[in-house]
Amino acid sequence: MAYGSGNGHYGVHRPRWGQKGSKWTPTDISGNVLWLSAGYGCYSDDGGTTPSGDGDVIAFLRDRSGNGYDATQTNNTKRPILKTNIQNGEPVMRFDGIDDVLIVPRMEGKFSAGFTWFVVAKVDDGHPSATKVFWGSMDAQDYPPNIYQYFNIMLVTNGKIKIGVRSGEVIKTRYPHTLGDGASDFFIIDARADPADKFGAYYNGSSSDTPIDITSLNWDNIAGENTERIAIGARWRDGAVEDNYYFDGDIAELIIYGRPLSDSERSKVRNYLAEKYDITIN
């Protein structure tokens, strides 16, 4: 079968992770808002009827959470490419760093209690000449100029992975790891935000930064109407994709929960991703 087929399989040799035959999936943990993976529900047409094969564009990527937040791109020149058998036999979405981006619909009210998210990715250059965004959302509507609300994950030019949340003039940022120059290996980044407590971010299960208090943030603004829409491979800003910061590299999987997961719950998701993509975690 081809990639993007209804049951999420490719080939005929082994079951895909999270499909029938697997013992556990991310949806077994409550609060799963969004689950996108390159090996499931990839289509090369807007209507989601023609499965993407190796080297084909991704116009439509089905949300596996059951919430219907499918990621789409209507402009053919801005669509990432599906590449198969890349990491531990798994496929990836390949973004060109120029204008490739997928858009997820507004996830109304899903992050009012905070969030936990996971992304599996690699970058083509750990020290890019310009900052790159894995995914993110930024909004200044109904606020004074340059007073923003946002959440995003970025790779800055000195190799630091920067993960931030912001409300107005209050910014909370974590730097869980610094990448070396050149192409990276695949890695798992996860972040957990509890509006009543702390914000922490982790690289392959560990972090160079301890969690930081975020009780001073106006979480209602961060989880507001416009910052609930995200761009994958770029950043959504003020009603459109921000025309810079495009991601250059591969994204294999993105999982978002609408609440701060416990340590044991996060370990389950990390272990699932680590085994699936053959990534060593700490």
C-alpha atoms as a PDB file:
ATOM      1  CA  MET A   1       0.000   0.000   0.000  1.00  0.00           C
ATOM      2  CA  ALA A   2       1.086   3.590  -0.520  1.00  0.00           C
ATOM      3  CA  TYR A   3       1.805   6.234   2.047  1.00  0.00           C
ATOM      4  CA  GLY A   4      -1.313   8.069   3.110  1.00  0.00           C
ATOM      5  CA  SER A   5      -3.638   5.118   2.646  1.00  0.00           C
ATOM      6  CA  GLY A   6      -6.639   5.030   4.909  1.00  0.00           C
ATOM      7  CA  ASN A   7      -5.199   2.560   7.393  1.00  0.00           C
ATOM      8  CA  GLY A   8      -1.906   4.442   7.649  1.00  0.00           C
ATOM      9  CA  HIS A   9       0.337   1.592   6.457  1.00  0.00           C
ATOM     10  CA  TYR A  10       3.024   1.687   3.815  1.00  0.00           C
ATOM     11  CA  GLY A  11       4.416  -1.428   2.209  1.00  0.00           C
ATOM     12  CA  VAL A  12       3.348  -4.843   3.448  1.00  0.00           C
ATOM     13  CA  HIS A  13       6.213  -5.914   5.686  1.00  0.00           C
ATOM     14  CA  ARG A  14       5.361  -4.569   9.133  1.00  0.00           C
ATOM     15  CA  PRO A  15       2.604  -2.671  10.937  1.00  0.00           C
ATOM     16  CA  ARG A  16       3.034   1.058  11.407  1.00  0.00           C
ATOM     17  CA  TRP A  17       3.436   2.470  14.903  1.00  0.00           C
ATOM     18  CA  GLY A  18       0.148   3.436  16.451  1.00  0.00           C
ATOM     19  CA  GLN A  19      -1.812   1.209  14.109  1.00  0.00           C
ATOM     20  CA  LYS A  20      -3.546  -2.098  14.681  1.00  0.00           C
ATOM     21  CA  GLY A  21      -1.022  -4.467  16.190  1.00  0.00           C
ATOM     22  CA  SER A  22       0.683  -1.851  18.369  1.00  0.00           C
ATOM     23  CA  LYS A  23       0.090  -2.004  22.108  1.00  0.00           C
ATOM     24  CA  TRP A  24       0.080   1.716  22.829  1.00  0.00           C
ATOM     25  CA  THR A  25      -0.514   5.014  21.012  1.00  0.00           C
ATOM     26  CA  PRO A  26      -0.311   8.673  22.079  1.00  0.00           C
ATOM     27  CA  THR A  27      -4.115   8.900  22.114  1.00  0.00           C
ATOM     28  CA  ASP A  28      -4.139   6.492  25.062  1.00  0.00           C
ATOM     29  CA  ILE A  29      -3.158   9.517  27.166  1.00  0.00           C
ATOM     30  CA  SER A  30      -6.056  11.920  27.673  1.00  0.00           C
ATOM     31  CA  GLY A  31      -5.955  15.415  26.260  1.00  0.00           C
ATOM     32  CA  ASN A  32      -4.329  14.629  22.905  1.00  0.00           C
ATOM     33  CA  VAL A  33      -5.164  17.665  20.760  1.00  0.00           C
ATOM     34  CA  LEU A  34      -3.014  17.103  17.687  1.00  0.00           C
ATOM     35  CA  TRP A  35      -1.041  14.142  16.355  1.00  0.00           C
ATOM     36  CA  LEU A  36       0.690  14.392  13.003  1.00  0.00           C
ATOM     37  CA  SER A  37       3.132  11.820  11.660  1.00  0.00           C
ATOM     38  CA  ALA A  38       4.654  11.589   8.213  1.00  0.00           C
ATOM     39  CA  GLY A  39       3.798   7.901   7.831  1.00  0.00           C
ATOM     40  CA  TYR A  40       0.068   8.351   8.201  1.00  0.00           C
ATOM     41  CA  GLY A  41      -2.516  10.252   6.172  1.00  0.00           C
ATOM     42  CA  CYS A  42      -0.164  12.059   3.764  1.00  0.00           C
ATOM     43  CA  TYR A  43      -1.828  13.170   0.542  1.00  0.00           C
ATOM     44  CA  SER A  44      -0.568  15.094  -2.463  1.00  0.00           C
ATOM     45  CA  ASP A  45      -3.905  16.774  -3.267  1.00  0.00           C
ATOM     46  CA  ASP A  46      -6.041  19.309  -1.400  1.00  0.00           C
ATOM     47  CA  GLY A  47      -8.925  16.898  -0.947  1.00  0.00           C
ATOM     48  CA  GLY A  48      -6.874  14.209   0.749  1.00  0.00           C
ATOM     49  CA  THR A  49      -7.594  11.464  -1.790  1.00  0.00           C
ATOM     50  CA  THR A  50      -4.255  10.796  -3.533  1.00  0.00           C
ATOM     51  CA  PRO A  51      -1.657   9.257  -1.196  1.00  0.00           C
ATOM     52  CA  SER A  52       1.811  10.788  -1.281  1.00  0.00           C
ATOM     53  CA  GLY A  53       4.670   8.515  -2.253  1.00  0.00           C
ATOM     54  CA  ASP A  54       8.390   9.030  -1.859  1.00  0.00           C
ATOM     55  CA  GLY A  55       9.333  12.442  -3.243  1.00  0.00           C
ATOM     56  CA  ASP A  56       5.727  13.626  -3.605  1.00  0.00           C
ATOM     57  CA  VAL A  57       4.450  16.843  -2.069  1.00  0.00           C
ATOM     58  CA  ILE A  58       2.327  16.874   1.083  1.00  0.00           C
ATOM     59  CA  ALA A  59      -0.791  18.963   0.535  1.00  0.00           C
ATOM     60  CA  PHE A  60      -2.853  17.337   3.285  1.00  0.00           C
ATOM     61  CA  LEU A  61      -1.711  15.590   6.465  1.00  0.00           C
ATOM     62  CA  ARG A  62      -4.393  13.946   8.539  1.00  0.00           C
ATOM     63  CA  ASP A  63      -4.661  14.624  12.268  1.00  0.00           C
ATOM     64  CA  ARG A  64      -4.522  11.269  14.066  1.00  0.00           C
ATOM     65  CA  SER A  65      -5.922  12.642  17.346  1.00  0.00           C
ATOM     66  CA  GLY A  66      -9.473  12.410  16.037  1.00  0.00           C
ATOM     67  CA  ASN A  67     -10.027  16.159  16.451  1.00  0.00           C
ATOM     68  CA  GLY A  68      -9.871  16.896  12.740  1.00  0.00           C
ATOM     69  CA  TYR A  69      -7.061  19.459  12.882  1.00  0.00           C
ATOM     70  CA  ASP A  70      -5.598  18.320   9.577  1.00  0.00           C
ATOM     71  CA  ALA A  71      -2.525  20.224   8.365  1.00  0.00           C
ATOM     72  CA  THR A  72      -2.837  21.607   4.836  1.00  0.00           C
ATOM     73  CA  GLN A  73      -1.112  23.681   2.185  1.00  0.00           C
ATOM     74  CA  THR A  74      -3.023  24.843  -0.898  1.00  0.00           C
ATOM     75  CA  ASN A  75      -0.017  26.381  -2.687  1.00  0.00           C
ATOM     76  CA  ASN A  76       1.838  23.612  -4.501  1.00  0.00           C
ATOM     77  CA  THR A  77       5.189  25.430  -4.390  1.00  0.00           C
ATOM     78  CA  LYS A  78       5.005  25.742  -0.601  1.00  0.00           C
ATOM     79  CA  ARG A  79       4.339  22.103   0.174  1.00  0.00           C
ATOM     80  CA  PRO A  80       6.932  19.974   1.998  1.00  0.00           C
ATOM     81  CA  ILE A  81       8.052  16.678   0.473  1.00  0.00           C
ATOM     82  CA  LEU A  82       7.417  13.186   1.817  1.00  0.00           C
ATOM     83  CA  LYS A  83      10.612  11.133   2.060  1.00  0.00           C
ATOM     84  CA  THR A  84      10.321   7.457   2.953  1.00  0.00           C
ATOM     85  CA  ASN A  85      12.635   5.092   4.827  1.00  0.00           C
ATOM     86  CA  ILE A  86      14.711   7.874   6.372  1.00  0.00           C
ATOM     87  CA  GLN A  87      15.099   7.198  10.102  1.00  0.00           C
ATOM     88  CA  ASN A  88      14.797   3.632  11.358  1.00  0.00           C
ATOM     89  CA  GLY A  89      12.715   2.879   8.281  1.00  0.00           C
ATOM     90  CA  GLU A  90      10.291   5.707   9.060  1.00  0.00           C
ATOM     91  CA  PRO A  91       9.217   8.526   6.725  1.00  0.00           C
ATOM     92  CA  VAL A  92       9.601  12.276   7.269  1.00  0.00           C
ATOM     93  CA  MET A  93       8.281  15.597   6.041  1.00  0.00           C
ATOM     94  CA  ARG A  94      11.138  17.456   4.347  1.00  0.00           C
ATOM     95  CA  PHE A  95      11.015  21.263   4.503  1.00  0.00           C
ATOM     96  CA  ASP A  96      13.186  23.311   2.136  1.00  0.00           C
ATOM     97  CA  GLY A  97      13.928  26.318   4.381  1.00  0.00           C
ATOM     98  CA  ILE A  98      12.614  28.671   1.689  1.00  0.00           C
ATOM     99  CA  ASP A  99       8.818  28.685   1.839  1.00  0.00           C
ATOM    100  CA  ASP A 100       7.528  25.201   2.769  1.00  0.00           C
ATOM    101  CA  VAL A 101       4.876  25.276   5.487  1.00  0.00           C
ATOM    102  CA  LEU A 102       1.756  23.398   6.626  1.00  0.00           C
ATOM    103  CA  ILE A 103      -1.097  25.174   8.414  1.00  0.00           C
ATOM    104  CA  VAL A 104      -3.162  23.710  11.245  1.00  0.00           C
ATOM    105  CA  PRO A 105      -6.663  25.145  11.873  1.00  0.00           C
ATOM    106  CA  ARG A 106      -7.362  27.167  15.010  1.00  0.00           C
ATOM    107  CA  MET A 107      -7.633  24.821  17.987  1.00  0.00           C
ATOM    108  CA  GLU A 108     -10.241  26.772  19.902  1.00  0.00           C
ATOM    109  CA  GLY A 109     -10.010  26.500  23.680  1.00  0.00           C
ATOM    110  CA  LYS A 110      -7.592  23.575  23.599  1.00  0.00           C
ATOM    111  CA  PHE A 111      -4.690  25.141  25.538  1.00  0.00           C
ATOM    112  CA  SER A 112      -6.461  26.964  28.369  1.00  0.00           C
ATOM    113  CA  ALA A 113      -5.048  24.453  30.888  1.00  0.00           C
ATOM    114  CA  GLY A 114      -1.528  24.576  29.443  1.00  0.00           C
ATOM    115  CA  PHE A 115       0.131  22.154  27.049  1.00  0.00           C
ATOM    116  CA  THR A 116       2.690  19.422  26.515  1.00  0.00           C
ATOM    117  CA  TRP A 117       4.136  18.772  23.089  1.00  0.00           C
ATOM    118  CA  PHE A 118       6.689  16.534  21.386  1.00  0.00           C
ATOM    119  CA  VAL A 119       8.435  16.856  18.047  1.00  0.00           C
ATOM    120  CA  VAL A 120      10.847  14.494  16.272  1.00  0.00           C
ATOM    121  CA  ALA A 121      13.111  16.301  13.832  1.00  0.00           C
ATOM    122  CA  LYS A 122      16.563  16.862  12.398  1.00  0.00           C
ATOM    123  CA  VAL A 123      18.067  20.019  10.938  1.00  0.00           C
ATOM    124  CA  ASP A 124      20.241  20.418   7.853  1.00  0.00           C
ATOM    125  CA  ASP A 125      22.431  22.981   9.619  1.00  0.00           C
ATOM    126  CA  GLY A 126      22.748  23.293  13.380  1.00  0.00           C
ATOM    127  CA  HIS A 127      24.131  26.824  13.040  1.00  0.00           C
ATOM    128  CA  PRO A 128      21.928  28.354  10.336  1.00  0.00           C
ATOM    129  CA  SER A 129      22.601  31.807   8.931  1.00  0.00           C
ATOM    130  CA  ALA A 130      19.103  32.857   9.974  1.00  0.00           C
ATOM    131  CA  THR A 131      16.808  31.659  12.743  1.00  0.00           C
ATOM    132  CA  LYS A 132      14.542  28.739  11.799  1.00  0.00           C
ATOM    133  CA  VAL A 133      11.155  27.811  13.291  1.00  0.00           C
ATOM    134  CA  PHE A 134      10.056  24.199  13.739  1.00  0.00           C
ATOM    135  CA  TRP A 135       6.511  25.365  14.434  1.00  0.00           C
ATOM    136  CA  GLY A 136       4.856  28.260  16.173  1.00  0.00           C
ATOM    137  CA  SER A 137       2.137  30.840  16.619  1.00  0.00           C
ATOM    138  CA  MET A 138       2.456  34.561  17.331  1.00  0.00           C
ATOM    139  CA  ASP A 139      -0.255  37.199  17.614  1.00  0.00           C
ATOM    140  CA  ALA A 140      -0.492  40.923  18.260  1.00  0.00           C
ATOM    141  CA  GLN A 141      -4.110  41.531  17.331  1.00  0.00           C
ATOM    142  CA  ASP A 142      -6.061  43.685  19.806  1.00  0.00           C
ATOM    143  CA  TYR A 143      -2.821  44.585  21.578  1.00  0.00           C
ATOM    144  CA  PRO A 144      -0.448  47.581  21.276  1.00  0.00           C
ATOM    145  CA  PRO A 145       2.158  47.292  18.504  1.00  0.00           C
ATOM    146  CA  ASN A 146       4.920  44.796  19.189  1.00  0.00           C
ATOM    147  CA  ILE A 147       3.201  43.467  22.324  1.00  0.00           C
ATOM    148  CA  TYR A 148       2.809  39.863  21.360  1.00  0.00           C
ATOM    149  CA  GLN A 149       1.420  36.590  22.640  1.00  0.00           C
ATOM    150  CA  TYR A 150       3.144  33.470  21.382  1.00  0.00           C
ATOM    151  CA  PHE A 151       4.409  29.949  21.779  1.00  0.00           C
ATOM    152  CA  ASN A 152       7.025  28.475  19.450  1.00  0.00           C
ATOM    153  CA  ILE A 153      10.191  26.415  19.014  1.00  0.00           C
ATOM    154  CA  MET A 154      13.097  27.895  17.089  1.00  0.00           C
ATOM    155  CA  LEU A 155      16.699  27.159  16.162  1.00  0.00           C
ATOM    156  CA  VAL A 156      18.799  30.285  16.481  1.00  0.00           C
ATOM    157  CA  THR A 157      22.021  31.012  14.619  1.00  0.00           C
ATOM    158  CA  ASN A 158      24.367  29.939  17.443  1.00  0.00           C
ATOM    159  CA  GLY A 159      22.846  26.450  17.502  1.00  0.00           C
ATOM    160  CA  LYS A 160      20.623  26.932  20.520  1.00  0.00           C
ATOM    161  CA  ILE A 161      17.174  25.392  20.429  1.00  0.00           C
ATOM    162  CA  LYS A 162      14.926  28.148  21.770  1.00  0.00           C
ATOM    163  CA  ILE A 163      11.460  27.360  23.113  1.00  0.00           C
ATOM    164  CA  GLY A 164       9.331  30.214  24.357  1.00  0.00           C
ATOM    165  CA  VAL A 165       5.994  31.409  25.620  1.00  0.00           C
ATOM    166  CA  ARG A 166       5.110  35.079  25.839  1.00  0.00           C
ATOM    167  CA  SER A 167       2.269  37.263  27.039  1.00  0.00           C
ATOM    168  CA  GLY A 168       2.685  40.983  26.482  1.00  0.00           C
ATOM    169  CA  GLU A 169       6.047  42.059  27.832  1.00  0.00           C
ATOM    170  CA  VAL A 170       6.578  38.909  29.893  1.00  0.00           C
ATOM    171  CA  ILE A 171       8.697  36.332  28.049  1.00  0.00           C
ATOM    172  CA  LYS A 172       9.678  32.898  29.335  1.00  0.00           C
ATOM    173  CA  THR A 173      12.284  31.021  27.318  1.00  0.00           C
ATOM    174  CA  ARG A 174      14.083  27.703  27.680  1.00  0.00           C
ATOM    175  CA  TYR A 175      17.185  26.481  25.829  1.00  0.00           C
ATOM    176  CA  PRO A 176      17.262  22.708  26.373  1.00  0.00           C
ATOM    177  CA  HIS A 177      20.209  22.014  24.050  1.00  0.00           C
ATOM    178  CA  THR A 178      22.781  23.527  21.711  1.00  0.00           C
ATOM    179  CA  LEU A 179      23.365  21.785  18.390  1.00  0.00           C
ATOM    180  CA  GLY A 180      26.727  21.522  16.663  1.00  0.00           C
ATOM    181  CA  ASP A 181      27.385  23.047  13.269  1.00  0.00           C
ATOM    182  CA  GLY A 182      26.321  21.028  10.234  1.00  0.00           C
ATOM    183  CA  ALA A 183      23.571  18.450   9.847  1.00  0.00           C
ATOM    184  CA  SER A 184      22.188  16.993  13.068  1.00  0.00           C
ATOM    185  CA  ASP A 185      20.979  13.539  14.004  1.00  0.00           C
ATOM    186  CA  PHE A 186      17.281  13.028  14.642  1.00  0.00           C
ATOM    187  CA  PHE A 187      16.214  14.167  18.104  1.00  0.00           C
ATOM    188  CA  ILE A 188      13.145  14.462  20.313  1.00  0.00           C
ATOM    189  CA  ILE A 189      12.196  17.826  21.783  1.00  0.00           C
ATOM    190  CA  ASP A 190       9.386  18.103  24.289  1.00  0.00           C
ATOM    191  CA  ALA A 191       8.020  20.996  26.329  1.00  0.00           C
ATOM    192  CA  ARG A 192       5.565  21.226  29.205  1.00  0.00           C
ATOM    193  CA  ALA A 193       3.733  24.396  30.276  1.00  0.00           C
ATOM    194  CA  ASP A 194       1.643  24.518  33.443  1.00  0.00           C
ATOM    195  CA  PRO A 195       0.092  28.018  33.794  1.00  0.00           C
ATOM    196  CA  ALA A 196      -0.152  27.526  37.548  1.00  0.00           C
ATOM    197  CA  ASP A 197       3.447  26.399  37.895  1.00  0.00           C
ATOM    198  CA  LYS A 198       6.411  26.021  35.537  1.00  0.00           C
ATOM    199  CA  PHE A 199       7.554  25.766  31.927  1.00  0.00           C
ATOM    200  CA  GLY A 200      10.239  23.262  30.968  1.00  0.00           C
ATOM    201  CA  ALA A 201      11.784  21.957  27.746  1.00  0.00           C
ATOM    202  CA  TYR A 202      13.856  18.842  27.039  1.00  0.00           C
ATOM    203  CA  TYR A 203      16.165  17.408  24.385  1.00  0.00           C
ATOM    204  CA  ASN A 204      16.131  13.599  24.196  1.00  0.00           C
ATOM    205  CA  GLY A 205      14.775  13.495  27.718  1.00  0.00           C
ATOM    206  CA  SER A 206      17.189  15.911  29.414  1.00  0.00           C
ATOM    207  CA  SER A 207      17.759  19.654  29.528  1.00  0.00           C
ATOM    208  CA  SER A 208      20.486  22.205  30.128  1.00  0.00           C
ATOM    209  CA  ASP A 209      17.824  24.525  31.599  1.00  0.00           C
ATOM    210  CA  THR A 210      15.659  23.841  34.630  1.00  0.00           C
ATOM    211  CA  PRO A 211      11.909  24.592  34.411  1.00  0.00           C
ATOM    212  CA  ILE A 212      11.004  28.243  34.956  1.00  0.00           C
ATOM    213  CA  ASP A 213       8.061  29.776  36.824  1.00  0.00           C
ATOM    214  CA  ILE A 214       5.343  31.051  34.466  1.00  0.00           C
ATOM    215  CA  THR A 215       2.629  32.082  36.928  1.00  0.00           C
ATOM    216  CA  SER A 216       3.191  35.738  35.982  1.00  0.00           C
ATOM    217  CA  LEU A 217       2.045  35.122  32.408  1.00  0.00           C
ATOM    218  CA  ASN A 218      -1.458  36.023  31.284  1.00  0.00           C
ATOM    219  CA  TRP A 219      -2.250  32.560  30.008  1.00  0.00           C
ATOM    220  CA  ASP A 220      -5.658  33.591  28.669  1.00  0.00           C
ATOM    221  CA  ASN A 221      -3.824  35.714  26.105  1.00  0.00           C
ATOM    222  CA  ILE A 222      -1.310  33.009  25.189  1.00  0.00           C
ATOM    223  CA  ALA A 223      -4.084  30.461  24.708  1.00  0.00           C
ATOM    224  CA  GLY A 224      -6.304  33.006  22.989  1.00  0.00           C
ATOM    225  CA  GLU A 225      -8.127  32.966  19.702  1.00  0.00           C
ATOM    226  CA  ASN A 226      -5.267  33.601  17.302  1.00  0.00           C
ATOM    227  CA  THR A 227      -2.414  31.797  19.037  1.00  0.00           C
ATOM    228  CA  GLU A 228      -4.350  28.560  18.816  1.00  0.00           C
ATOM    229  CA  ARG A 229      -3.507  28.334  15.098  1.00  0.00           C
ATOM    230  CA  ILE A 230       0.005  27.099  14.283  1.00  0.00           C
ATOM    231  CA  ALA A 231       2.267  26.863  11.280  1.00  0.00           C
ATOM    232  CA  ILE A 232       4.510  23.803  10.894  1.00  0.00           C
ATOM    233  CA  GLY A 233       7.832  24.624   9.313  1.00  0.00           C
ATOM    234  CA  ALA A 234       7.362  28.342  10.011  1.00  0.00           C
ATOM    235  CA  ARG A 235       5.450  30.652  12.363  1.00  0.00           C
ATOM    236  CA  TRP A 236       1.897  31.937  12.190  1.00  0.00           C
ATOM    237  CA  ARG A 237       1.742  35.685  12.943  1.00  0.00           C
ATOM    238  CA  ASP A 238      -1.126  38.173  12.887  1.00  0.00           C
ATOM    239  CA  GLY A 239      -3.363  36.180  10.581  1.00  0.00           C
ATOM    240  CA  ALA A 240      -0.764  34.837   8.149  1.00  0.00           C
ATOM    241  CA  VAL A 241       2.482  32.906   7.891  1.00  0.00           C
ATOM    242  CA  GLU A 242       5.446  35.062   8.843  1.00  0.00           C
ATOM    243  CA  ASP A 243       7.545  35.409   5.697  1.00  0.00           C
ATOM    244  CA  ASN A 244      10.881  34.334   7.168  1.00  0.00           C
ATOM    245  CA  TYR A 245      12.240  31.764   9.641  1.00  0.00           C
ATOM    246  CA  TYR A 246      11.278  28.839   7.374  1.00  0.00           C
ATOM    247  CA  PHE A 247      12.491  25.486   8.681  1.00  0.00           C
ATOM    248  CA  ASP A 248      15.246  23.644   6.827  1.00  0.00           C
ATOM    249  CA  GLY A 249      15.246  19.946   7.649  1.00  0.00           C
ATOM    250  CA  ASP A 250      13.010  16.987   8.445  1.00  0.00           C
ATOM    251  CA  ILE A 251      10.048  16.696  10.803  1.00  0.00           C
ATOM    252  CA  ALA A 252       8.823  13.166  11.430  1.00  0.00           C
ATOM    253  CA  GLU A 253       6.171  13.569  14.101  1.00  0.00           C
ATOM    254  CA  LEU A 254       4.381  16.237  16.164  1.00  0.00           C
ATOM    255  CA  ILE A 255       2.206  15.416  19.174  1.00  0.00           C
ATOM    256  CA  ILE A 256       0.422  18.066  21.264  1.00  0.00           C
ATOM    257  CA  TYR A 257      -1.636  17.682  24.441  1.00  0.00           C
ATOM    258  CA  GLY A 258      -3.882  20.364  25.887  1.00  0.00           C
ATOM    259  CA  ARG A 259      -2.624  19.970  29.432  1.00  0.00           C
ATOM    260  CA  PRO A 260       0.647  19.536  31.358  1.00  0.00           C
ATOM    261  CA  LEU A 261       1.370  15.793  31.370  1.00  0.00           C
ATOM    262  CA  SER A 262       2.811  14.041  34.402  1.00  0.00           C
ATOM    263  CA  ASP A 263       6.389  12.759  34.393  1.00  0.00           C
ATOM    264  CA  SER A 264       5.217   9.198  33.833  1.00  0.00           C
ATOM    265  CA  GLU A 265       2.968  10.230  30.945  1.00  0.00           C
ATOM    266  CA  ARG A 266       5.779  12.129  29.264  1.00  0.00           C
ATOM    267  CA  SER A 267       8.049   9.118  29.676  1.00  0.00           C
ATOM    268  CA  LYS A 268       5.515   6.966  27.832  1.00  0.00           C
ATOM    269  CA  VAL A 269       5.430   9.339  24.872  1.00  0.00           C
ATOM    270  CA  ARG A 270       9.212   9.740  24.814  1.00  0.00           C
ATOM    271  CA  ASN A 271       9.727   5.990  24.925  1.00  0.00           C
ATOM    272  CA  TYR A 272       7.237   5.482  22.100  1.00  0.00           C
ATOM    273  CA  LEU A 273       9.078   8.016  19.930  1.00  0.00           C
ATOM    274  CA  ALA A 274      12.552   6.820  20.929  1.00  0.00           C
ATOM    275  CA  GLU A 275      11.792   3.213  19.983  1.00  0.00           C
ATOM    276  CA  LYS A 276       9.986   4.151  16.796  1.00  0.00           C
ATOM    277  CA  TYR A 277      12.789   6.358  15.496  1.00  0.00           C
ATOM    278  CA  ASP A 278      15.746   4.634  17.181  1.00  0.00           C
ATOM    279  CA  ILE A 279      16.732   7.678  19.247  1.00  0.00           C
ATOM    280  CA  THR A 280      18.608   7.325  22.545  1.00  0.00           C
ATOM    281  CA  ILE A 281      16.983   9.248  25.382  1.00  0.00           C
ATOM    282  CA  ASN A 282      18.340  10.093  28.818  1.00  0.00           C
END
